[in-house]
Amino acid sequence: MVKWETICSLQVRSIMSELDASCSLLSQWRYLPGTKIRVQGLKNHPQYNGLEGVVLIQNGDSHVCVCLDPDNTQLHLKLQNILPLVPTAIECKELCTQIQDLADEEITSKREYLRIQM
């Protein structure tokens, strides 16, 4: 019989390795859509400095398109003008907890499915 706990554990490990790969991409100045950032060092539009937002897309190797939080303003910025916001330990723990909860739900669902099949 297949052990669903084992399969789900493998899936969680796979997701975690994908997250590790994403983090290594960020360290190579590749911003994935949804990456949280803070704007810094703008001289022509200093009113945006300090605002936070998310990356929509990275255009080439030197620019990103971002959407700022307060009013959904979209800007096309140089990489030197954005700072990635690293999640806190609490946010990382919450993410891991969410992943574990999803795995537990999947295990429970598969157990119920197998119980019904028998």
PDB file of N, CA and C in Angstrom:
ATOM      1  N   MET A   1       0.843  -1.179   0.000  1.00  0.00           N
ATOM      2  CA  MET A   1       0.000   0.000   0.000  1.00  0.00           C
ATOM      3  C   MET A   1       0.891   1.246   0.000  1.00  0.00           C
ATOM      4  N   VAL A   2       0.447   2.269  -0.703  1.00  0.00           N
ATOM      5  CA  VAL A   2       1.186   3.529  -0.790  1.00  0.00           C
ATOM      6  C   VAL A   2       1.020   4.293   0.509  1.00  0.00           C
ATOM      7  N   LYS A   3       2.111   4.806   1.025  1.00  0.00           N
ATOM      8  CA  LYS A   3       2.051   5.635   2.235  1.00  0.00           C
ATOM      9  C   LYS A   3       1.930   7.092   1.799  1.00  0.00           C
ATOM     10  N   TRP A   4       0.764   7.657   2.003  1.00  0.00           N
ATOM     11  CA  TRP A   4       0.519   9.035   1.571  1.00  0.00           C
ATOM     12  C   TRP A   4       1.356  10.020   2.360  1.00  0.00           C
ATOM     13  N   GLU A   5       1.677   9.662   3.609  1.00  0.00           N
ATOM     14  CA  GLU A   5       2.535  10.542   4.398  1.00  0.00           C
ATOM     15  C   GLU A   5       3.881  10.720   3.713  1.00  0.00           C
ATOM     16  N   THR A   6       4.408   9.625   3.163  1.00  0.00           N
ATOM     17  CA  THR A   6       5.698   9.676   2.483  1.00  0.00           C
ATOM     18  C   THR A   6       5.605  10.530   1.226  1.00  0.00           C
ATOM     19  N   ILE A   7       4.555  10.314   0.446  1.00  0.00           N
ATOM     20  CA  ILE A   7       4.379  11.079  -0.794  1.00  0.00           C
ATOM     21  C   ILE A   7       4.243  12.563  -0.491  1.00  0.00           C
ATOM     22  N   CYS A   8       3.423  12.899   0.501  1.00  0.00           N
ATOM     23  CA  CYS A   8       3.231  14.310   0.841  1.00  0.00           C
ATOM     24  C   CYS A   8       4.510  14.920   1.395  1.00  0.00           C
ATOM     25  N   SER A   9       5.260  14.149   2.168  1.00  0.00           N
ATOM     26  CA  SER A   9       6.535  14.650   2.674  1.00  0.00           C
ATOM     27  C   SER A   9       7.479  14.953   1.526  1.00  0.00           C
ATOM     28  N   LEU A  10       7.493  14.082   0.524  1.00  0.00           N
ATOM     29  CA  LEU A  10       8.328  14.322  -0.656  1.00  0.00           C
ATOM     30  C   LEU A  10       7.878  15.574  -1.401  1.00  0.00           C
ATOM     31  N   GLN A  11       6.558  15.774  -1.476  1.00  0.00           N
ATOM     32  CA  GLN A  11       6.048  16.976  -2.140  1.00  0.00           C
ATOM     33  C   GLN A  11       6.441  18.232  -1.386  1.00  0.00           C
ATOM     34  N   VAL A  12       6.375  18.184  -0.051  1.00  0.00           N
ATOM     35  CA  VAL A  12       6.783  19.339   0.752  1.00  0.00           C
ATOM     36  C   VAL A  12       8.262  19.622   0.533  1.00  0.00           C
ATOM     37  N   ARG A  13       9.089  18.578   0.514  1.00  0.00           N
ATOM     38  CA  ARG A  13      10.518  18.762   0.257  1.00  0.00           C
ATOM     39  C   ARG A  13      10.747  19.384  -1.115  1.00  0.00           C
ATOM     40  N   SER A  14       9.964  18.948  -2.100  1.00  0.00           N
ATOM     41  CA  SER A  14      10.095  19.490  -3.452  1.00  0.00           C
ATOM     42  C   SER A  14       9.747  20.981  -3.467  1.00  0.00           C
ATOM     43  N   ILE A  15       8.672  21.342  -2.775  1.00  0.00           N
ATOM     44  CA  ILE A  15       8.262  22.750  -2.699  1.00  0.00           C
ATOM     45  C   ILE A  15       9.348  23.568  -2.006  1.00  0.00           C
ATOM     46  N   MET A  16       9.899  23.026  -0.918  1.00  0.00           N
ATOM     47  CA  MET A  16      10.934  23.749  -0.193  1.00  0.00           C
ATOM     48  C   MET A  16      12.184  23.922  -1.061  1.00  0.00           C
ATOM     49  N   SER A  17      12.535  22.914  -1.867  1.00  0.00           N
ATOM     50  CA  SER A  17      13.705  23.066  -2.741  1.00  0.00           C
ATOM     51  C   SER A  17      13.433  24.104  -3.822  1.00  0.00           C
ATOM     52  N   GLU A  18      12.166  24.186  -4.296  1.00  0.00           N
ATOM     53  CA  GLU A  18      11.820  25.233  -5.258  1.00  0.00           C
ATOM     54  C   GLU A  18      11.953  26.606  -4.616  1.00  0.00           C
ATOM     55  N   LEU A  19      11.555  26.726  -3.344  1.00  0.00           N
ATOM     56  CA  LEU A  19      11.702  28.002  -2.636  1.00  0.00           C
ATOM     57  C   LEU A  19      13.181  28.357  -2.491  1.00  0.00           C
ATOM     58  N   ASP A  20      14.017  27.361  -2.184  1.00  0.00           N
ATOM     59  CA  ASP A  20      15.450  27.602  -2.094  1.00  0.00           C
ATOM     60  C   ASP A  20      16.002  28.072  -3.432  1.00  0.00           C
ATOM     61  N   ALA A  21      15.535  27.443  -4.519  1.00  0.00           N
ATOM     62  CA  ALA A  21      15.973  27.847  -5.859  1.00  0.00           C
ATOM     63  C   ALA A  21      15.528  29.275  -6.145  1.00  0.00           C
ATOM     64  N   SER A  22      14.316  29.635  -5.720  1.00  0.00           N
ATOM     65  CA  SER A  22      13.830  30.999  -5.925  1.00  0.00           C
ATOM     66  C   SER A  22      14.710  31.988  -5.185  1.00  0.00           C
ATOM     67  N   CYS A  23      15.107  31.640  -3.965  1.00  0.00           N
ATOM     68  CA  CYS A  23      15.967  32.537  -3.186  1.00  0.00           C
ATOM     69  C   CYS A  23      17.315  32.717  -3.872  1.00  0.00           C
ATOM     70  N   SER A  24      17.849  31.653  -4.467  1.00  0.00           N
ATOM     71  CA  SER A  24      19.134  31.795  -5.157  1.00  0.00           C
ATOM     72  C   SER A  24      18.975  32.661  -6.399  1.00  0.00           C
ATOM     73  N   LEU A  25      17.817  32.586  -7.057  1.00  0.00           N
ATOM     74  CA  LEU A  25      17.577  33.459  -8.210  1.00  0.00           C
ATOM     75  C   LEU A  25      17.565  34.922  -7.775  1.00  0.00           C
ATOM     76  N   LEU A  26      16.940  35.189  -6.636  1.00  0.00           N
ATOM     77  CA  LEU A  26      16.889  36.567  -6.160  1.00  0.00           C
ATOM     78  C   LEU A  26      18.284  37.091  -5.868  1.00  0.00           C
ATOM     79  N   SER A  27      19.155  36.221  -5.354  1.00  0.00           N
ATOM     80  CA  SER A  27      20.502  36.676  -5.057  1.00  0.00           C
ATOM     81  C   SER A  27      21.288  36.967  -6.328  1.00  0.00           C
ATOM     82  N   GLN A  28      20.813  36.471  -7.470  1.00  0.00           N
ATOM     83  CA  GLN A  28      21.459  36.732  -8.758  1.00  0.00           C
ATOM     84  C   GLN A  28      20.748  37.874  -9.494  1.00  0.00           C
ATOM     85  N   TRP A  29      20.032  38.695  -8.773  1.00  0.00           N
ATOM     86  CA  TRP A  29      19.326  39.840  -9.334  1.00  0.00           C
ATOM     87  C   TRP A  29      18.249  39.436 -10.332  1.00  0.00           C
ATOM     88  N   ARG A  30      17.630  38.309 -10.101  1.00  0.00           N
ATOM     89  CA  ARG A  30      16.474  37.909 -10.878  1.00  0.00           C
ATOM     90  C   ARG A  30      15.281  38.023  -9.949  1.00  0.00           C
ATOM     91  N   TYR A  31      14.387  38.919 -10.273  1.00  0.00           N
ATOM     92  CA  TYR A  31      13.225  39.137  -9.418  1.00  0.00           C
ATOM     93  C   TYR A  31      12.026  38.397  -9.981  1.00  0.00           C
ATOM     94  N   LEU A  32      11.460  37.530  -9.175  1.00  0.00           N
ATOM     95  CA  LEU A  32      10.281  36.790  -9.577  1.00  0.00           C
ATOM     96  C   LEU A  32       9.046  37.647  -9.349  1.00  0.00           C
ATOM     97  N   PRO A  33       8.014  37.488 -10.181  1.00  0.00           N
ATOM     98  CA  PRO A  33       6.764  38.228  -9.943  1.00  0.00           C
ATOM     99  C   PRO A  33       6.259  37.952  -8.534  1.00  0.00           C
ATOM    100  N   GLY A  34       5.842  39.019  -7.867  1.00  0.00           N
ATOM    101  CA  GLY A  34       5.335  38.897  -6.505  1.00  0.00           C
ATOM    102  C   GLY A  34       6.367  39.165  -5.427  1.00  0.00           C
ATOM    103  N   THR A  35       7.630  39.319  -5.816  1.00  0.00           N
ATOM    104  CA  THR A  35       8.672  39.618  -4.837  1.00  0.00           C
ATOM    105  C   THR A  35       8.408  40.980  -4.210  1.00  0.00           C
ATOM    106  N   LYS A  36       8.414  41.050  -2.899  1.00  0.00           N
ATOM    107  CA  LYS A  36       8.192  42.318  -2.211  1.00  0.00           C
ATOM    108  C   LYS A  36       9.469  43.149  -2.258  1.00  0.00           C
ATOM    109  N   ILE A  37       9.305  44.441  -2.541  1.00  0.00           N
ATOM    110  CA  ILE A  37      10.465  45.338  -2.665  1.00  0.00           C
ATOM    111  C   ILE A  37      10.178  46.676  -1.989  1.00  0.00           C
ATOM    112  N   ARG A  38      11.239  47.468  -1.815  1.00  0.00           N
ATOM    113  CA  ARG A  38      11.129  48.858  -1.350  1.00  0.00           C
ATOM    114  C   ARG A  38      11.904  49.710  -2.346  1.00  0.00           C
ATOM    115  N   VAL A  39      11.322  50.843  -2.721  1.00  0.00           N
ATOM    116  CA  VAL A  39      11.952  51.764  -3.666  1.00  0.00           C
ATOM    117  C   VAL A  39      12.958  52.623  -2.915  1.00  0.00           C
ATOM    118  N   GLN A  40      14.117  52.850  -3.558  1.00  0.00           N
ATOM    119  CA  GLN A  40      15.157  53.669  -2.926  1.00  0.00           C
ATOM    120  C   GLN A  40      15.964  54.403  -3.992  1.00  0.00           C
ATOM    121  N   GLY A  41      16.492  55.537  -3.632  1.00  0.00           N
ATOM    122  CA  GLY A  41      17.469  56.242  -4.461  1.00  0.00           C
ATOM    123  C   GLY A  41      16.955  56.937  -5.698  1.00  0.00           C
ATOM    124  N   LEU A  42      15.645  57.162  -5.789  1.00  0.00           N
ATOM    125  CA  LEU A  42      15.135  57.881  -6.957  1.00  0.00           C
ATOM    126  C   LEU A  42      15.407  59.374  -6.794  1.00  0.00           C
ATOM    127  N   LYS A  43      15.950  59.995  -7.825  1.00  0.00           N
ATOM    128  CA  LYS A  43      16.254  61.426  -7.764  1.00  0.00           C
ATOM    129  C   LYS A  43      15.180  62.259  -8.453  1.00  0.00           C
ATOM    130  N   ASN A  44      14.649  61.788  -9.568  1.00  0.00           N
ATOM    131  CA  ASN A  44      13.632  62.545 -10.296  1.00  0.00           C
ATOM    132  C   ASN A  44      12.250  62.443  -9.663  1.00  0.00           C
ATOM    133  N   HIS A  45      11.996  61.351  -8.954  1.00  0.00           N
ATOM    134  CA  HIS A  45      10.694  61.160  -8.300  1.00  0.00           C
ATOM    135  C   HIS A  45      10.906  60.682  -6.864  1.00  0.00           C
ATOM    136  N   PRO A  46      11.466  61.535  -6.006  1.00  0.00           N
ATOM    137  CA  PRO A  46      11.797  61.115  -4.641  1.00  0.00           C
ATOM    138  C   PRO A  46      10.571  60.769  -3.794  1.00  0.00           C
ATOM    139  N   GLN A  47       9.391  61.178  -4.245  1.00  0.00           N
ATOM    140  CA  GLN A  47       8.176  60.874  -3.477  1.00  0.00           C
ATOM    141  C   GLN A  47       7.918  59.364  -3.396  1.00  0.00           C
ATOM    142  N   TYR A  48       8.525  58.592  -4.290  1.00  0.00           N
ATOM    143  CA  TYR A  48       8.344  57.143  -4.266  1.00  0.00           C
ATOM    144  C   TYR A  48       9.363  56.428  -3.378  1.00  0.00           C
ATOM    145  N   ASN A  49      10.437  57.114  -3.012  1.00  0.00           N
ATOM    146  CA  ASN A  49      11.453  56.491  -2.156  1.00  0.00           C
ATOM    147  C   ASN A  49      10.839  56.054  -0.827  1.00  0.00           C
ATOM    148  N   GLY A  50      11.154  54.850  -0.414  1.00  0.00           N
ATOM    149  CA  GLY A  50      10.640  54.316   0.847  1.00  0.00           C
ATOM    150  C   GLY A  50       9.330  53.566   0.711  1.00  0.00           C
ATOM    151  N   LEU A  51       8.658  53.699  -0.432  1.00  0.00           N
ATOM    152  CA  LEU A  51       7.398  52.983  -0.613  1.00  0.00           C
ATOM    153  C   LEU A  51       7.673  51.519  -0.939  1.00  0.00           C
ATOM    154  N   GLU A  52       6.746  50.667  -0.519  1.00  0.00           N
ATOM    155  CA  GLU A  52       6.884  49.240  -0.768  1.00  0.00           C
ATOM    156  C   GLU A  52       5.910  48.812  -1.846  1.00  0.00           C
ATOM    157  N   GLY A  53       6.240  47.708  -2.495  1.00  0.00           N
ATOM    158  CA  GLY A  53       5.382  47.181  -3.543  1.00  0.00           C
ATOM    159  C   GLY A  53       5.819  45.780  -3.912  1.00  0.00           C
ATOM    160  N   VAL A  54       5.362  45.332  -5.073  1.00  0.00           N
ATOM    161  CA  VAL A  54       5.725  44.000  -5.552  1.00  0.00           C
ATOM    162  C   VAL A  54       6.200  44.082  -6.993  1.00  0.00           C
ATOM    163  N   VAL A  55       7.070  43.159  -7.353  1.00  0.00           N
ATOM    164  CA  VAL A  55       7.566  43.074  -8.719  1.00  0.00           C
ATOM    165  C   VAL A  55       6.482  42.453  -9.594  1.00  0.00           C
ATOM    166  N   LEU A  56       6.225  43.080 -10.727  1.00  0.00           N
ATOM    167  CA  LEU A  56       5.304  42.511 -11.699  1.00  0.00           C
ATOM    168  C   LEU A  56       6.057  41.652 -12.703  1.00  0.00           C
ATOM    169  N   ILE A  57       7.176  42.209 -13.213  1.00  0.00           N
ATOM    170  CA  ILE A  57       7.992  41.473 -14.177  1.00  0.00           C
ATOM    171  C   ILE A  57       9.369  42.113 -14.238  1.00  0.00           C
ATOM    172  N   GLN A  58      10.373  41.292 -14.507  1.00  0.00           N
ATOM    173  CA  GLN A  58      11.711  41.828 -14.714  1.00  0.00           C
ATOM    174  C   GLN A  58      11.931  41.923 -16.215  1.00  0.00           C
ATOM    175  N   ASN A  59      12.267  43.133 -16.662  1.00  0.00           N
ATOM    176  CA  ASN A  59      12.499  43.380 -18.076  1.00  0.00           C
ATOM    177  C   ASN A  59      13.996  43.365 -18.346  1.00  0.00           C
ATOM    178  N   GLY A  60      14.469  42.285 -18.913  1.00  0.00           N
ATOM    179  CA  GLY A  60      15.901  42.187 -19.164  1.00  0.00           C
ATOM    180  C   GLY A  60      16.667  42.016 -17.873  1.00  0.00           C
ATOM    181  N   ASP A  61      17.933  42.449 -17.894  1.00  0.00           N
ATOM    182  CA  ASP A  61      18.791  42.263 -16.729  1.00  0.00           C
ATOM    183  C   ASP A  61      18.942  43.514 -15.875  1.00  0.00           C
ATOM    184  N   SER A  62      18.349  44.632 -16.303  1.00  0.00           N
ATOM    185  CA  SER A  62      18.633  45.859 -15.561  1.00  0.00           C
ATOM    186  C   SER A  62      17.401  46.632 -15.093  1.00  0.00           C
ATOM    187  N   HIS A  63      16.195  46.210 -15.447  1.00  0.00           N
ATOM    188  CA  HIS A  63      14.990  46.933 -15.050  1.00  0.00           C
ATOM    189  C   HIS A  63      13.891  45.969 -14.587  1.00  0.00           C
ATOM    190  N   VAL A  64      13.037  46.487 -13.716  1.00  0.00           N
ATOM    191  CA  VAL A  64      11.858  45.739 -13.283  1.00  0.00           C
ATOM    192  C   VAL A  64      10.647  46.657 -13.314  1.00  0.00           C
ATOM    193  N   CYS A  65       9.504  46.060 -13.535  1.00  0.00           N
ATOM    194  CA  CYS A  65       8.248  46.785 -13.440  1.00  0.00           C
ATOM    195  C   CYS A  65       7.647  46.418 -12.088  1.00  0.00           C
ATOM    196  N   VAL A  66       7.325  47.429 -11.288  1.00  0.00           N
ATOM    197  CA  VAL A  66       6.794  47.189  -9.948  1.00  0.00           C
ATOM    198  C   VAL A  66       5.451  47.879  -9.782  1.00  0.00           C
ATOM    199  N   CYS A  67       4.659  47.362  -8.864  1.00  0.00           N
ATOM    200  CA  CYS A  67       3.380  47.964  -8.505  1.00  0.00           C
ATOM    201  C   CYS A  67       3.492  48.362  -7.035  1.00  0.00           C
ATOM    202  N   LEU A  68       3.315  49.653  -6.757  1.00  0.00           N
ATOM    203  CA  LEU A  68       3.457  50.154  -5.388  1.00  0.00           C
ATOM    204  C   LEU A  68       2.162  49.974  -4.610  1.00  0.00           C
ATOM    205  N   ASP A  69       2.307  49.715  -3.306  1.00  0.00           N
ATOM    206  CA  ASP A  69       1.175  49.378  -2.458  1.00  0.00           C
ATOM    207  C   ASP A  69       0.113  50.462  -2.283  1.00  0.00           C
ATOM    208  N   PRO A  70       0.476  51.703  -1.994  1.00  0.00           N
ATOM    209  CA  PRO A  70      -0.585  52.640  -1.591  1.00  0.00           C
ATOM    210  C   PRO A  70      -1.664  52.866  -2.641  1.00  0.00           C
ATOM    211  N   ASP A  71      -1.268  53.038  -3.896  1.00  0.00           N
ATOM    212  CA  ASP A  71      -2.270  53.390  -4.915  1.00  0.00           C
ATOM    213  C   ASP A  71      -2.121  52.608  -6.219  1.00  0.00           C
ATOM    214  N   ASN A  72      -1.427  51.474  -6.160  1.00  0.00           N
ATOM    215  CA  ASN A  72      -1.210  50.615  -7.335  1.00  0.00           C
ATOM    216  C   ASN A  72      -0.495  51.323  -8.476  1.00  0.00           C
ATOM    217  N   THR A  73       0.330  52.302  -8.151  1.00  0.00           N
ATOM    218  CA  THR A  73       1.144  52.979  -9.162  1.00  0.00           C
ATOM    219  C   THR A  73       2.146  51.982  -9.715  1.00  0.00           C
ATOM    220  N   GLN A  74       2.268  51.944 -11.039  1.00  0.00           N
ATOM    221  CA  GLN A  74       3.244  51.063 -11.659  1.00  0.00           C
ATOM    222  C   GLN A  74       4.430  51.886 -12.127  1.00  0.00           C
ATOM    223  N   LEU A  75       5.631  51.420 -11.786  1.00  0.00           N
ATOM    224  CA  LEU A  75       6.861  52.099 -12.171  1.00  0.00           C
ATOM    225  C   LEU A  75       7.798  51.119 -12.852  1.00  0.00           C
ATOM    226  N   HIS A  76       8.594  51.636 -13.766  1.00  0.00           N
ATOM    227  CA  HIS A  76       9.644  50.872 -14.438  1.00  0.00           C
ATOM    228  C   HIS A  76      10.956  51.377 -13.846  1.00  0.00           C
ATOM    229  N   LEU A  77      11.609  50.540 -13.023  1.00  0.00           N
ATOM    230  CA  LEU A  77      12.763  50.987 -12.256  1.00  0.00           C
ATOM    231  C   LEU A  77      14.016  50.187 -12.577  1.00  0.00           C
ATOM    232  N   LYS A  78      15.154  50.843 -12.378  1.00  0.00           N
ATOM    233  CA  LYS A  78      16.432  50.149 -12.468  1.00  0.00           C
ATOM    234  C   LYS A  78      16.598  49.281 -11.226  1.00  0.00           C
ATOM    235  N   LEU A  79      17.368  48.212 -11.379  1.00  0.00           N
ATOM    236  CA  LEU A  79      17.604  47.316 -10.241  1.00  0.00           C
ATOM    237  C   LEU A  79      18.232  48.036  -9.063  1.00  0.00           C
ATOM    238  N   GLN A  80      19.065  49.026  -9.341  1.00  0.00           N
ATOM    239  CA  GLN A  80      19.726  49.755  -8.259  1.00  0.00           C
ATOM    240  C   GLN A  80      18.741  50.563  -7.425  1.00  0.00           C
ATOM    241  N   ASN A  81      17.516  50.750  -7.926  1.00  0.00           N
ATOM    242  CA  ASN A  81      16.527  51.540  -7.205  1.00  0.00           C
ATOM    243  C   ASN A  81      15.491  50.707  -6.460  1.00  0.00           C
ATOM    244  N   ILE A  82      15.736  49.418  -6.369  1.00  0.00           N
ATOM    245  CA  ILE A  82      14.829  48.591  -5.574  1.00  0.00           C
ATOM    246  C   ILE A  82      15.638  47.745  -4.599  1.00  0.00           C
ATOM    247  N   LEU A  83      15.025  47.493  -3.478  1.00  0.00           N
ATOM    248  CA  LEU A  83      15.633  46.695  -2.425  1.00  0.00           C
ATOM    249  C   LEU A  83      14.663  45.562  -2.104  1.00  0.00           C
ATOM    250  N   PRO A  84      15.098  44.304  -2.275  1.00  0.00           N
ATOM    251  CA  PRO A  84      14.183  43.206  -1.939  1.00  0.00           C
ATOM    252  C   PRO A  84      13.934  43.164  -0.439  1.00  0.00           C
ATOM    253  N   LEU A  85      12.683  42.953  -0.078  1.00  0.00           N
ATOM    254  CA  LEU A  85      12.333  42.845   1.331  1.00  0.00           C
ATOM    255  C   LEU A  85      12.402  41.372   1.721  1.00  0.00           C
ATOM    256  N   VAL A  86      13.339  41.068   2.583  1.00  0.00           N
ATOM    257  CA  VAL A  86      13.540  39.692   3.026  1.00  0.00           C
ATOM    258  C   VAL A  86      12.494  39.385   4.088  1.00  0.00           C
ATOM    259  N   PRO A  87      11.803  38.241   3.946  1.00  0.00           N
ATOM    260  CA  PRO A  87      10.795  37.912   4.950  1.00  0.00           C
ATOM    261  C   PRO A  87      11.436  37.690   6.318  1.00  0.00           C
ATOM    262  N   THR A  88      10.713  38.062   7.339  1.00  0.00           N
ATOM    263  CA  THR A  88      11.196  37.863   8.705  1.00  0.00           C
ATOM    264  C   THR A  88      11.124  36.381   9.056  1.00  0.00           C
ATOM    265  N   ALA A  89      11.755  36.020  10.140  1.00  0.00           N
ATOM    266  CA  ALA A  89      11.721  34.633  10.602  1.00  0.00           C
ATOM    267  C   ALA A  89      10.290  34.204  10.893  1.00  0.00           C
ATOM    268  N   ILE A  90       9.494  35.110  11.416  1.00  0.00           N
ATOM    269  CA  ILE A  90       8.088  34.790  11.722  1.00  0.00           C
ATOM    270  C   ILE A  90       7.323  34.508  10.434  1.00  0.00           C
ATOM    271  N   GLU A  91       7.551  35.330   9.384  1.00  0.00           N
ATOM    272  CA  GLU A  91       6.876  35.104   8.106  1.00  0.00           C
ATOM    273  C   GLU A  91       7.300  33.770   7.492  1.00  0.00           C
ATOM    274  N   CYS A  92       8.593  33.432   7.597  1.00  0.00           N
ATOM    275  CA  CYS A  92       9.075  32.145   7.086  1.00  0.00           C
ATOM    276  C   CYS A  92       8.435  30.988   7.843  1.00  0.00           C
ATOM    277  N   LYS A  93       8.326  31.139   9.156  1.00  0.00           N
ATOM    278  CA  LYS A  93       7.710  30.099   9.967  1.00  0.00           C
ATOM    279  C   LYS A  93       6.238  29.933   9.598  1.00  0.00           C
ATOM    280  N   GLU A  94       5.542  31.058   9.365  1.00  0.00           N
ATOM    281  CA  GLU A  94       4.139  30.995   8.965  1.00  0.00           C
ATOM    282  C   GLU A  94       3.990  30.288   7.619  1.00  0.00           C
ATOM    283  N   LEU A  95       4.882  30.578   6.683  1.00  0.00           N
ATOM    284  CA  LEU A  95       4.844  29.934   5.375  1.00  0.00           C
ATOM    285  C   LEU A  95       5.065  28.429   5.512  1.00  0.00           C
ATOM    286  N   CYS A  96       6.033  28.036   6.315  1.00  0.00           N
ATOM    287  CA  CYS A  96       6.288  26.604   6.538  1.00  0.00           C
ATOM    288  C   CYS A  96       5.087  25.937   7.199  1.00  0.00           C
ATOM    289  N   THR A  97       4.458  26.632   8.132  1.00  0.00           N
ATOM    290  CA  THR A  97       3.266  26.102   8.792  1.00  0.00           C
ATOM    291  C   THR A  97       2.142  25.922   7.783  1.00  0.00           C
ATOM    292  N   GLN A  98       1.968  26.897   6.887  1.00  0.00           N
ATOM    293  CA  GLN A  98       0.931  26.787   5.854  1.00  0.00           C
ATOM    294  C   GLN A  98       1.197  25.588   4.950  1.00  0.00           C
ATOM    295  N   ILE A  99       2.456  25.396   4.564  1.00  0.00           N
ATOM    296  CA  ILE A  99       2.810  24.264   3.715  1.00  0.00           C
ATOM    297  C   ILE A  99       2.527  22.954   4.438  1.00  0.00           C
ATOM    298  N   GLN A 100       2.901  22.890   5.713  1.00  0.00           N
ATOM    299  CA  GLN A 100       2.650  21.674   6.490  1.00  0.00           C
ATOM    300  C   GLN A 100       1.153  21.422   6.626  1.00  0.00           C
ATOM    301  N   ASP A 101       0.360  22.484   6.859  1.00  0.00           N
ATOM    302  CA  ASP A 101      -1.092  22.331   6.964  1.00  0.00           C
ATOM    303  C   ASP A 101      -1.688  21.796   5.662  1.00  0.00           C
ATOM    304  N   LEU A 102      -1.198  22.313   4.531  1.00  0.00           N
ATOM    305  CA  LEU A 102      -1.678  21.819   3.236  1.00  0.00           C
ATOM    306  C   LEU A 102      -1.328  20.343   3.054  1.00  0.00           C
ATOM    307  N   ALA A 103      -0.127  19.973   3.459  1.00  0.00           N
ATOM    308  CA  ALA A 103       0.287  18.570   3.361  1.00  0.00           C
ATOM    309  C   ALA A 103      -0.593  17.695   4.251  1.00  0.00           C
ATOM    310  N   ASP A 104      -0.874  18.162   5.470  1.00  0.00           N
ATOM    311  CA  ASP A 104      -1.727  17.406   6.391  1.00  0.00           C
ATOM    312  C   ASP A 104      -3.140  17.244   5.832  1.00  0.00           C
ATOM    313  N   GLU A 105      -3.669  18.309   5.222  1.00  0.00           N
ATOM    314  CA  GLU A 105      -4.996  18.233   4.613  1.00  0.00           C
ATOM    315  C   GLU A 105      -5.011  17.218   3.477  1.00  0.00           C
ATOM    316  N   GLU A 106      -3.960  17.212   2.675  1.00  0.00           N
ATOM    317  CA  GLU A 106      -3.867  16.267   1.558  1.00  0.00           C
ATOM    318  C   GLU A 106      -3.795  14.841   2.082  1.00  0.00           C
ATOM    319  N   ILE A 107      -3.033  14.626   3.136  1.00  0.00           N
ATOM    320  CA  ILE A 107      -2.930  13.291   3.732  1.00  0.00           C
ATOM    321  C   ILE A 107      -4.292  12.835   4.240  1.00  0.00           C
ATOM    322  N   THR A 108      -4.980  13.701   4.946  1.00  0.00           N
ATOM    323  CA  THR A 108      -6.303  13.378   5.469  1.00  0.00           C
ATOM    324  C   THR A 108      -7.273  13.057   4.341  1.00  0.00           C
ATOM    325  N   SER A 109      -7.224  13.863   3.291  1.00  0.00           N
ATOM    326  CA  SER A 109      -8.095  13.646   2.133  1.00  0.00           C
ATOM    327  C   SER A 109      -7.824  12.292   1.487  1.00  0.00           C
ATOM    328  N   LYS A 110      -6.550  11.958   1.302  1.00  0.00           N
ATOM    329  CA  LYS A 110      -6.187  10.682   0.672  1.00  0.00           C
ATOM    330  C   LYS A 110      -6.579   9.510   1.565  1.00  0.00           C
ATOM    331  N   ARG A 111      -6.408   9.664   2.859  1.00  0.00           N
ATOM    332  CA  ARG A 111      -6.816   8.592   3.781  1.00  0.00           C
ATOM    333  C   ARG A 111      -8.319   8.342   3.672  1.00  0.00           C
ATOM    334  N   GLU A 112      -9.090   9.419   3.639  1.00  0.00           N
ATOM    335  CA  GLU A 112     -10.551   9.295   3.535  1.00  0.00           C
ATOM    336  C   GLU A 112     -10.923   8.650   2.199  1.00  0.00           C
ATOM    337  N   TYR A 113     -10.250   9.049   1.135  1.00  0.00           N
ATOM    338  CA  TYR A 113     -10.518   8.464  -0.176  1.00  0.00           C
ATOM    339  C   TYR A 113     -10.243   6.962  -0.164  1.00  0.00           C
ATOM    340  N   LEU A 114      -9.109   6.575   0.424  1.00  0.00           N
ATOM    341  CA  LEU A 114      -8.773   5.155   0.501  1.00  0.00           C
ATOM    342  C   LEU A 114      -9.751   4.389   1.397  1.00  0.00           C
ATOM    343  N   ARG A 115     -10.190   5.030   2.473  1.00  0.00           N
ATOM    344  CA  ARG A 115     -11.159   4.380   3.374  1.00  0.00           C
ATOM    345  C   ARG A 115     -12.451   4.101   2.625  1.00  0.00           C
ATOM    346  N   ILE A 116     -12.894   5.068   1.824  1.00  0.00           N
ATOM    347  CA  ILE A 116     -14.128   4.897   1.064  1.00  0.00           C
ATOM    348  C   ILE A 116     -13.949   3.801   0.000  1.00  0.00           C
ATOM    349  N   GLN A 117     -12.783   3.753  -0.625  1.00  0.00           N
ATOM    350  CA  GLN A 117     -12.523   2.762  -1.663  1.00  0.00           C
ATOM    351  C   GLN A 117     -12.524   1.345  -1.121  1.00  0.00           C
ATOM    352  N   MET A 118     -12.101   1.193   0.131  1.00  0.00           N
ATOM    353  CA  MET A 118     -12.041  -0.143   0.711  1.00  0.00           C
ATOM    354  C   MET A 118     -13.425  -0.535   1.145  1.00  0.00           C
TER     355      MET A 118
END
